[in-house]
C-alpha atoms as a PDB file:
ATOM      1  CA  UNK A   1     126.256  92.416  89.862  1.00  0.00           C
ATOM      2  CA  UNK A   2     128.193  95.038  87.954  1.00  0.00           C
ATOM      3  CA  UNK A   3     127.891  98.768  88.598  1.00  0.00           C
ATOM      4  CA  UNK A   4     126.363  99.244  85.159  1.00  0.00           C
ATOM      5  CA  UNK A   5     123.702  96.600  85.892  1.00  0.00           C
ATOM      6  CA  UNK A   6     122.829  98.231  89.181  1.00  0.00           C
ATOM      7  CA  UNK A   7     122.649 101.633  87.500  1.00  0.00           C
ATOM      8  CA  UNK A   8     120.280 100.297  84.811  1.00  0.00           C
ATOM      9  CA  UNK A   9     118.111  98.587  87.407  1.00  0.00           C
ATOM     10  CA  UNK A  10     117.838 101.751  89.532  1.00  0.00           C
ATOM     11  CA  UNK A  11     117.075 103.849  86.458  1.00  0.00           C
ATOM     12  CA  UNK A  12     114.340 101.382  85.453  1.00  0.00           C
ATOM     13  CA  UNK A  13     112.868 101.467  88.958  1.00  0.00           C
ATOM     14  CA  UNK A  14     112.870 105.279  88.989  1.00  0.00           C
ATOM     15  CA  UNK A  15     111.193 105.344  85.556  1.00  0.00           C
ATOM     16  CA  UNK A  16     108.578 102.835  86.721  1.00  0.00           C
ATOM     17  CA  UNK A  17     107.793 104.733  89.909  1.00  0.00           C
ATOM     18  CA  UNK A  18     108.119 108.171  88.355  1.00  0.00           C
ATOM     19  CA  UNK A  19     110.189 109.511  91.250  1.00  0.00           C
ATOM     20  CA  UNK A  20     113.947 109.935  91.557  1.00  0.00           C
ATOM     21  CA  UNK A  21     115.275 107.734  94.378  1.00  0.00           C
ATOM     22  CA  UNK A  22     118.933 108.704  94.104  1.00  0.00           C
ATOM     23  CA  UNK A  23     120.574 112.116  93.924  1.00  0.00           C
ATOM     24  CA  UNK A  24     123.645 111.798  91.719  1.00  0.00           C
ATOM     25  CA  UNK A  25     126.514 114.250  91.495  1.00  0.00           C
ATOM     26  CA  UNK A  26     129.975 113.869  90.031  1.00  0.00           C
ATOM     27  CA  UNK A  27     131.303 113.134  93.549  1.00  0.00           C
ATOM     28  CA  UNK A  28     128.529 111.157  95.250  1.00  0.00           C
ATOM     29  CA  UNK A  29     125.313 109.243  95.051  1.00  0.00           C
ATOM     30  CA  UNK A  30     122.784 109.685  97.880  1.00  0.00           C
ATOM     31  CA  UNK A  31     119.246 108.612  98.548  1.00  0.00           C
ATOM     32  CA  UNK A  32     116.567 111.270  98.162  1.00  0.00           C
ATOM     33  CA  UNK A  33     113.980 111.483 100.960  1.00  0.00           C
ATOM     34  CA  UNK A  34     111.650 109.461  98.716  1.00  0.00           C
ATOM     35  CA  UNK A  35     114.457 106.910  98.365  1.00  0.00           C
ATOM     36  CA  UNK A  36     114.896 106.727 102.162  1.00  0.00           C
ATOM     37  CA  UNK A  37     111.164 106.174 102.648  1.00  0.00           C
ATOM     38  CA  UNK A  38     110.994 103.583  99.871  1.00  0.00           C
ATOM     39  CA  UNK A  39     114.001 101.690 101.293  1.00  0.00           C
ATOM     40  CA  UNK A  40     112.463 101.590 104.774  1.00  0.00           C
ATOM     41  CA  UNK A  41     109.201 100.161 103.408  1.00  0.00           C
ATOM     42  CA  UNK A  42     111.075  97.596 101.297  1.00  0.00           C
ATOM     43  CA  UNK A  43     113.139  96.489 104.287  1.00  0.00           C
ATOM     44  CA  UNK A  44     109.981  96.103 106.400  1.00  0.00           C
ATOM     45  CA  UNK A  45     108.414  94.015 103.635  1.00  0.00           C
ATOM     46  CA  UNK A  46     111.472  91.811 103.340  1.00  0.00           C
ATOM     47  CA  UNK A  47     111.437  91.256 107.120  1.00  0.00           C
ATOM     48  CA  UNK A  48     107.778  90.189 106.917  1.00  0.00           C
ATOM     49  CA  UNK A  49     108.500  87.782 104.085  1.00  0.00           C
ATOM     50  CA  UNK A  50     111.455  86.260 105.942  1.00  0.00           C
ATOM     51  CA  UNK A  51     109.243  85.825 109.003  1.00  0.00           C
ATOM     52  CA  UNK A  52     106.545  84.102 106.938  1.00  0.00           C
ATOM     53  CA  UNK A  53     109.165  81.690 105.533  1.00  0.00           C
ATOM     54  CA  UNK A  54     110.441  80.882 109.012  1.00  0.00           C
ATOM     55  CA  UNK A  55     106.921  80.190 110.297  1.00  0.00           C
ATOM     56  CA  UNK A  56     106.194  77.973 107.320  1.00  0.00           C
ATOM     57  CA  UNK A  57     109.478  76.067 107.727  1.00  0.00           C
ATOM     58  CA  UNK A  58     108.936  75.457 111.443  1.00  0.00           C
ATOM     59  CA  UNK A  59     105.419  74.116 110.997  1.00  0.00           C
ATOM     60  CA  UNK A  60     103.896  76.802 113.220  1.00  0.00           C
ATOM     61  CA  UNK A  61     101.372  77.780 110.566  1.00  0.00           C
ATOM     62  CA  UNK A  62      99.148  74.739 111.153  1.00  0.00           C
ATOM     63  CA  UNK A  63      96.007  74.720 113.269  1.00  0.00           C
ATOM     64  CA  UNK A  64      96.534  74.640 117.006  1.00  0.00           C
ATOM     65  CA  UNK A  65      94.549  75.232 120.112  1.00  0.00           C
ATOM     66  CA  UNK A  66      91.158  74.016 121.252  1.00  0.00           C
ATOM     67  CA  UNK A  67      88.054  74.172 119.135  1.00  0.00           C
ATOM     68  CA  UNK A  68      84.674  74.319 120.818  1.00  0.00           C
ATOM     69  CA  UNK A  69      81.507  73.586 118.898  1.00  0.00           C
ATOM     70  CA  UNK A  70      77.871  74.148 119.624  1.00  0.00           C
ATOM     71  CA  UNK A  71      74.940  72.952 117.577  1.00  0.00           C
ATOM     72  CA  UNK A  72      71.362  71.820 117.880  1.00  0.00           C
ATOM     73  CA  UNK A  73      70.866  68.198 118.762  1.00  0.00           C
ATOM     74  CA  UNK A  74      69.301  67.558 115.325  1.00  0.00           C
ATOM     75  CA  UNK A  75      72.427  68.848 113.585  1.00  0.00           C
ATOM     76  CA  UNK A  76      74.626  66.819 115.863  1.00  0.00           C
ATOM     77  CA  UNK A  77      72.728  63.624 115.205  1.00  0.00           C
ATOM     78  CA  UNK A  78      72.614  64.130 111.408  1.00  0.00           C
ATOM     79  CA  UNK A  79      76.144  65.316 110.736  1.00  0.00           C
ATOM     80  CA  UNK A  80      78.519  65.179 113.665  1.00  0.00           C
ATOM     81  CA  UNK A  81      77.774  61.561 114.646  1.00  0.00           C
ATOM     82  CA  UNK A  82      78.258  60.397 111.068  1.00  0.00           C
ATOM     83  CA  UNK A  83      81.613  62.144 110.490  1.00  0.00           C
ATOM     84  CA  UNK A  84      84.543  59.826 109.785  1.00  0.00           C
ATOM     85  CA  UNK A  85      86.784  59.075 112.745  1.00  0.00           C
ATOM     86  CA  UNK A  86      89.541  61.625 113.051  1.00  0.00           C
ATOM     87  CA  UNK A  87      87.720  64.245 110.970  1.00  0.00           C
ATOM     88  CA  UNK A  88      86.837  66.280 114.025  1.00  0.00           C
END
């Protein structure tokens, strides 16, 4: 990505958010405090998204553990006993 593209993207972000994220001088470019806070939140969000992808890839997101059920005998006889094999 070129420097001009990055500059346009940052300017568009600042315009959208209504807050300056970078302090620009002729000698440097630094994050404002708002920029530091925004960056930290974005990094935390990216970490969460990466974690979700890893869980989804590894198959850990499926059901696991033991399920216990309790019901009246009449419910059991009318619904549970007639459930297809493997459904429960």
